[in-house]
């Protein structure tokens, strides 16, 4: 995996400033506010940005970033989203995780192409909640142009048993309707790679037994398989790909990038989480060494 040098050190009069040697190479997580960090990056230099910001629901990240009034929270979101879109290439994709009730407000402040994705899980419940159980989170999929990179064959899904049993290989007689003039037969063919990817991504949450091996000490850790899906869908087929992770947290997106031979730059303001994420990256290096 090649290092991509796209970040320019900030010039400062103070020799003791960390910025004199800061932002030299990719494939690192910087203990820095992402807004400050991204401002040092060149415009339209990044292929993928994956944001897992505080949802503003009171989670403990070691600071007060998740306990703001809504107006203040949205103004803060404006700042990092502006930088994310500035550094994003015309062919790139910005992903933003969140609960739909919060992302609905954020969506109205994003002026580019946006699709809603759903991360659906069924293995996470709150027994004390005497109401509908949450089984999904939303993801805003943002892109500047219609020429966005999307590798649909790399993220195809398994066919349902019902389709394979009742439809695959079968011939449908000519039927006039919305998508047919009624003059030709339709043959349902199963693609060897699976079904076309849909906007509902089914991946178990890191809860209970399903996430025991992967789970670390972070309140909102995302599964690697979910991160893999987003990166595989949007990475360049030819040439380098650079992923920026403004809220690195547990490091899942950075680990996924490294697994998929993609360069990354992460930002995280909590030094304990930087240490945690770097440990996961080091463990991945060790695993690679064993395989080699």
Protein backbone atom coordinates (compact mmCIF):
# COMPACT_ATOMS: atom_id res chain seq x y z
CA UNK A 1 0.00 0.00 0.00
CA UNK A 2 1.57 3.26 -1.15
CA UNK A 3 1.71 6.34 1.01
CA UNK A 4 -0.07 9.30 -0.57
CA UNK A 5 1.37 12.67 0.43
CA UNK A 6 -1.54 15.07 0.00
CA UNK A 7 -1.36 16.94 3.27
CA UNK A 8 0.70 20.06 3.60
CA UNK A 9 2.30 21.01 6.95
CA UNK A 10 1.09 24.31 8.33
CA UNK A 11 3.71 27.07 8.44
CA UNK A 12 4.08 28.50 11.91
CA UNK A 13 6.45 30.86 13.71
CA UNK A 14 6.64 28.58 16.73
CA UNK A 15 9.37 25.97 16.27
CA UNK A 16 7.78 23.86 19.00
CA UNK A 17 4.51 23.51 17.06
CA UNK A 18 3.65 19.95 16.05
CA UNK A 19 2.58 21.33 12.66
CA UNK A 20 6.22 21.69 11.55
CA UNK A 21 6.31 17.92 10.96
CA UNK A 22 2.59 17.16 10.95
CA UNK A 23 0.62 15.58 8.10
CA UNK A 24 3.54 14.14 6.16
CA UNK A 25 2.18 10.74 5.16
CA UNK A 26 -1.03 8.80 4.82
CA UNK A 27 -1.82 5.58 6.71
CA UNK A 28 -1.80 7.29 10.09
CA UNK A 29 -4.33 8.40 12.68
CA UNK A 30 -3.72 11.93 13.95
CA UNK A 31 -4.79 13.06 17.41
CA UNK A 32 -6.37 16.22 16.07
CA UNK A 33 -9.73 17.90 15.59
CA UNK A 34 -10.89 16.78 12.15
CA UNK A 35 -11.97 20.28 11.11
CA UNK A 36 -8.48 21.62 11.81
CA UNK A 37 -6.90 18.61 10.15
CA UNK A 38 -8.97 18.61 6.98
CA UNK A 39 -8.32 22.32 6.47
CA UNK A 40 -4.69 21.36 5.75
CA UNK A 41 -5.73 19.04 2.91
CA UNK A 42 -5.90 19.96 -0.75
CA UNK A 43 -9.32 20.39 -2.35
CA UNK A 44 -10.67 17.44 -4.35
CA UNK A 45 -7.85 15.13 -3.21
CA UNK A 46 -9.82 12.38 -1.46
CA UNK A 47 -11.78 9.44 -2.91
CA UNK A 48 -13.83 8.34 0.10
CA UNK A 49 -14.78 10.05 3.36
CA UNK A 50 -16.48 7.95 6.05
CA UNK A 51 -17.91 9.93 8.96
CA UNK A 52 -19.14 8.33 12.17
CA UNK A 53 -19.68 11.51 14.21
CA UNK A 54 -21.16 11.76 17.70
CA UNK A 55 -24.92 11.31 17.26
CA UNK A 56 -25.69 13.91 19.96
CA UNK A 57 -27.54 11.38 22.11
CA UNK A 58 -25.37 11.63 25.21
CA UNK A 59 -22.81 8.88 24.62
CA UNK A 60 -19.62 9.16 26.67
CA UNK A 61 -16.63 9.77 24.38
CA UNK A 62 -14.52 11.30 27.14
CA UNK A 63 -15.67 14.84 26.31
CA UNK A 64 -18.90 16.78 25.77
CA UNK A 65 -19.05 16.31 21.99
CA UNK A 66 -22.25 14.25 22.23
CA UNK A 67 -24.16 16.59 24.56
CA UNK A 68 -24.85 19.74 22.54
CA UNK A 69 -28.03 21.67 21.92
CA UNK A 70 -29.40 20.81 18.47
CA UNK A 71 -28.70 24.24 16.95
CA UNK A 72 -25.09 24.14 18.13
CA UNK A 73 -24.73 20.52 17.00
CA UNK A 74 -25.94 21.31 13.48
CA UNK A 75 -23.67 24.34 13.18
CA UNK A 76 -20.76 22.12 14.19
CA UNK A 77 -21.84 19.53 11.60
CA UNK A 78 -21.88 22.27 8.96
CA UNK A 79 -18.19 22.90 9.61
CA UNK A 80 -16.89 19.38 9.16
CA UNK A 81 -19.29 18.54 6.32
CA UNK A 82 -18.08 21.62 4.43
CA UNK A 83 -14.50 20.39 4.73
CA UNK A 84 -15.46 16.82 3.79
CA UNK A 85 -17.11 18.00 0.58
CA UNK A 86 -14.27 20.38 -0.22
CA UNK A 87 -11.61 17.66 -0.10
CA UNK A 88 -13.82 15.10 -1.89
CA UNK A 89 -13.09 14.39 -5.55
CA UNK A 90 -15.89 14.84 -8.12
CA UNK A 91 -15.97 11.04 -8.42
CA UNK A 92 -15.77 10.43 -4.67
CA UNK A 93 -18.29 9.46 -2.01
CA UNK A 94 -18.97 10.87 1.45
CA UNK A 95 -20.72 8.52 3.89
CA UNK A 96 -22.26 9.86 7.11
CA UNK A 97 -23.61 7.53 9.81
CA UNK A 98 -26.40 8.53 12.16
CA UNK A 99 -29.92 8.02 13.42
CA UNK A 100 -32.51 9.11 10.88
CA UNK A 101 -34.13 11.56 13.29
CA UNK A 102 -30.84 13.50 13.41
CA UNK A 103 -29.67 12.91 9.85
CA UNK A 104 -32.96 14.33 8.59
CA UNK A 105 -31.86 17.76 9.83
CA UNK A 106 -28.32 17.30 8.50
CA UNK A 107 -29.62 16.20 5.08
CA UNK A 108 -31.35 19.54 4.50
CA UNK A 109 -27.99 21.30 4.88
CA UNK A 110 -26.13 19.22 2.27
CA UNK A 111 -26.37 20.61 -1.26
CA UNK A 112 -25.24 17.75 -3.48
CA UNK A 113 -26.53 14.34 -4.56
CA UNK A 114 -27.64 12.31 -1.53
CA UNK A 115 -29.00 8.77 -1.23
CA UNK A 116 -30.24 7.23 2.01
CA UNK A 117 -28.77 3.86 2.98
CA UNK A 118 -29.88 1.71 5.90
CA UNK A 119 -27.65 -0.43 8.08
CA UNK A 120 -30.03 -3.12 9.32
CA UNK A 121 -29.22 -5.39 12.27
CA UNK A 122 -31.45 -7.71 14.29
CA UNK A 123 -29.15 -8.75 17.12
CA UNK A 124 -29.22 -5.58 19.25
CA UNK A 125 -32.05 -4.76 21.64
CA UNK A 126 -32.77 -2.67 24.72
CA UNK A 127 -34.83 -4.92 27.03
CA UNK A 128 -35.82 -2.00 29.27
CA UNK A 129 -37.42 -0.19 26.32
CA UNK A 130 -41.15 -0.87 26.31
CA UNK A 131 -41.59 0.27 22.72
CA UNK A 132 -40.44 -0.43 19.17
CA UNK A 133 -36.87 -1.74 19.25
CA UNK A 134 -34.35 0.06 17.07
CA UNK A 135 -32.85 -2.30 14.50
CA UNK A 136 -31.21 0.08 12.06
CA UNK A 137 -29.06 3.13 11.62
CA UNK A 138 -29.04 5.36 8.56
CA UNK A 139 -26.16 6.35 6.30
CA UNK A 140 -26.17 9.39 4.03
CA UNK A 141 -24.39 8.57 0.78
CA UNK A 142 -23.30 11.91 -0.70
CA UNK A 143 -21.61 12.60 -4.04
CA UNK A 144 -20.96 15.71 -6.10
CA UNK A 145 -21.58 14.36 -9.61
CA UNK A 146 -23.34 11.52 -11.39
CA UNK A 147 -19.94 10.13 -12.41
CA UNK A 148 -19.38 8.81 -8.89
CA UNK A 149 -17.34 5.60 -8.54
CA UNK A 150 -19.56 2.63 -7.69
CA UNK A 151 -18.38 -0.99 -7.94
CA UNK A 152 -21.68 -2.83 -7.84
CA UNK A 153 -20.21 -6.23 -8.67
CA UNK A 154 -17.92 -6.03 -5.64
CA UNK A 155 -20.80 -5.60 -3.20
CA UNK A 156 -23.44 -7.90 -4.65
CA UNK A 157 -25.61 -9.73 -2.12
CA UNK A 158 -26.61 -13.40 -1.77
CA UNK A 159 -29.84 -14.27 -3.54
CA UNK A 160 -32.78 -15.22 -1.39
CA UNK A 161 -33.71 -18.90 -1.25
CA UNK A 162 -37.12 -17.98 -2.64
CA UNK A 163 -35.60 -16.42 -5.77
CA UNK A 164 -33.25 -19.34 -6.37
CA UNK A 165 -36.05 -21.85 -5.92
CA UNK A 166 -38.93 -20.17 -7.72
CA UNK A 167 -37.49 -17.69 -10.20
CA UNK A 168 -33.86 -18.27 -11.18
CA UNK A 169 -33.68 -19.70 -14.68
CA UNK A 170 -37.44 -19.55 -15.14
CA UNK A 171 -39.18 -17.96 -18.11
CA UNK A 172 -41.90 -15.39 -17.63
CA UNK A 173 -44.46 -15.29 -20.41
CA UNK A 174 -45.04 -12.00 -22.26
CA UNK A 175 -47.09 -9.80 -19.96
CA UNK A 176 -47.97 -6.23 -20.74
CA UNK A 177 -47.26 -3.94 -17.84
CA UNK A 178 -45.18 -1.13 -16.49
CA UNK A 179 -41.83 -2.49 -17.67
CA UNK A 180 -42.89 -4.52 -20.71
CA UNK A 181 -44.89 -4.10 -23.90
CA UNK A 182 -46.11 -7.67 -23.57
CA UNK A 183 -44.30 -8.91 -26.68
CA UNK A 184 -41.19 -10.58 -25.25
CA UNK A 185 -40.47 -13.26 -22.70
CA UNK A 186 -38.39 -12.56 -19.61
CA UNK A 187 -35.78 -15.00 -18.35
CA UNK A 188 -34.70 -14.55 -14.74
CA UNK A 189 -30.96 -15.18 -14.69
CA UNK A 190 -28.95 -15.48 -11.49
CA UNK A 191 -25.69 -13.52 -11.62
CA UNK A 192 -22.75 -15.60 -10.46
CA UNK A 193 -21.73 -12.82 -8.07
CA UNK A 194 -25.13 -12.53 -6.43
CA UNK A 195 -28.00 -10.07 -6.48
CA UNK A 196 -27.59 -6.36 -7.15
CA UNK A 197 -26.72 -4.39 -4.00
CA UNK A 198 -29.68 -2.72 -2.36
CA UNK A 199 -29.84 0.30 -0.11
CA UNK A 200 -30.44 -1.84 2.98
CA UNK A 201 -27.15 -3.33 4.18
CA UNK A 202 -27.69 -6.28 6.50
CA UNK A 203 -24.79 -6.67 8.91
CA UNK A 204 -25.05 -7.77 12.57
CA UNK A 205 -24.17 -5.16 15.18
CA UNK A 206 -21.23 -5.84 17.48
CA UNK A 207 -23.53 -6.94 20.26
CA UNK A 208 -23.74 -10.18 22.20
CA UNK A 209 -21.99 -13.22 20.80
CA UNK A 210 -21.94 -11.89 17.23
CA UNK A 211 -19.41 -9.20 18.05
CA UNK A 212 -17.45 -10.77 20.87
CA UNK A 213 -14.20 -11.38 18.97
CA UNK A 214 -14.17 -8.04 17.19
CA UNK A 215 -15.56 -5.75 19.88
CA UNK A 216 -13.26 -3.30 21.68
CA UNK A 217 -13.80 -0.68 24.37
CA UNK A 218 -15.66 1.93 22.33
CA UNK A 219 -19.38 2.81 22.65
CA UNK A 220 -20.20 3.12 18.93
CA UNK A 221 -17.81 0.74 17.17
CA UNK A 222 -18.86 -0.20 13.63
CA UNK A 223 -18.42 -3.76 12.28
CA UNK A 224 -15.52 -4.27 9.88
CA UNK A 225 -17.81 -6.02 7.39
CA UNK A 226 -19.96 -2.88 7.18
CA UNK A 227 -16.89 -0.69 6.60
CA UNK A 228 -15.64 -3.19 4.01
CA UNK A 229 -18.89 -2.83 2.06
CA UNK A 230 -18.64 0.96 1.85
CA UNK A 231 -14.98 0.94 0.87
CA UNK A 232 -15.31 -1.84 -1.72
CA UNK A 233 -18.25 -0.03 -3.28
CA UNK A 234 -16.38 3.25 -3.70
CA UNK A 235 -12.66 2.47 -4.09
CA UNK A 236 -10.90 3.08 -7.39
CA UNK A 237 -10.43 0.04 -9.58
CA UNK A 238 -7.27 1.53 -11.05
CA UNK A 239 -4.80 3.77 -9.27
CA UNK A 240 -4.58 4.76 -5.64
CA UNK A 241 -7.52 5.35 -3.34
CA UNK A 242 -7.41 7.62 -0.30
CA UNK A 243 -9.96 7.30 2.50
CA UNK A 244 -10.35 10.01 5.14
CA UNK A 245 -11.94 9.12 8.47
CA UNK A 246 -12.74 12.35 10.38
CA UNK A 247 -13.92 10.56 13.55
CA UNK A 248 -11.64 7.54 13.75
CA UNK A 249 -12.92 6.34 17.14
CA UNK A 250 -12.20 2.63 17.48
CA UNK A 251 -10.41 2.63 14.11
CA UNK A 252 -12.76 0.27 12.23
CA UNK A 253 -12.76 2.30 9.00
CA UNK A 254 -8.96 2.64 9.07
CA UNK A 255 -8.50 -1.08 9.71
CA UNK A 256 -10.91 -1.85 6.87
CA UNK A 257 -9.01 0.47 4.53
CA UNK A 258 -5.76 -1.28 5.35
CA UNK A 259 -7.36 -4.70 4.83
CA UNK A 260 -8.57 -3.59 1.40
CA UNK A 261 -5.16 -2.18 0.38
CA UNK A 262 -6.42 1.39 0.48
CA UNK A 263 -4.55 4.36 1.93
CA UNK A 264 -6.20 6.23 4.79
CA UNK A 265 -5.90 9.28 7.02
CA UNK A 266 -7.75 9.30 10.33
CA UNK A 267 -8.48 12.06 12.83
CA UNK A 268 -9.48 11.52 16.46
CA UNK A 269 -9.44 14.03 19.34
CA UNK A 270 -9.43 11.46 22.15
CA UNK A 271 -5.86 10.18 22.68
CA UNK A 272 -7.13 6.98 24.30
CA UNK A 273 -9.06 6.10 21.16
CA UNK A 274 -6.05 6.94 18.99
CA UNK A 275 -4.06 4.44 21.03
CA UNK A 276 -6.87 1.88 20.74
CA UNK A 277 -7.15 2.29 16.97
CA UNK A 278 -3.39 2.11 16.48
CA UNK A 279 -3.32 -1.11 18.48
CA UNK A 280 -5.88 -2.63 16.11
CA UNK A 281 -3.80 -1.54 13.12
CA UNK A 282 -0.68 -3.08 14.66
CA UNK A 283 -2.55 -6.33 15.26
CA UNK A 284 -3.55 -6.34 11.61
CA UNK A 285 0.10 -5.87 10.63
CA UNK A 286 1.01 -8.85 12.80
CA UNK A 287 -1.69 -10.94 11.13
CA UNK A 288 -0.33 -9.99 7.69
CA UNK A 289 3.18 -11.00 8.78
CA UNK A 290 1.91 -14.43 9.86
CA UNK A 291 0.12 -14.96 6.53
CA UNK A 292 3.20 -13.93 4.54
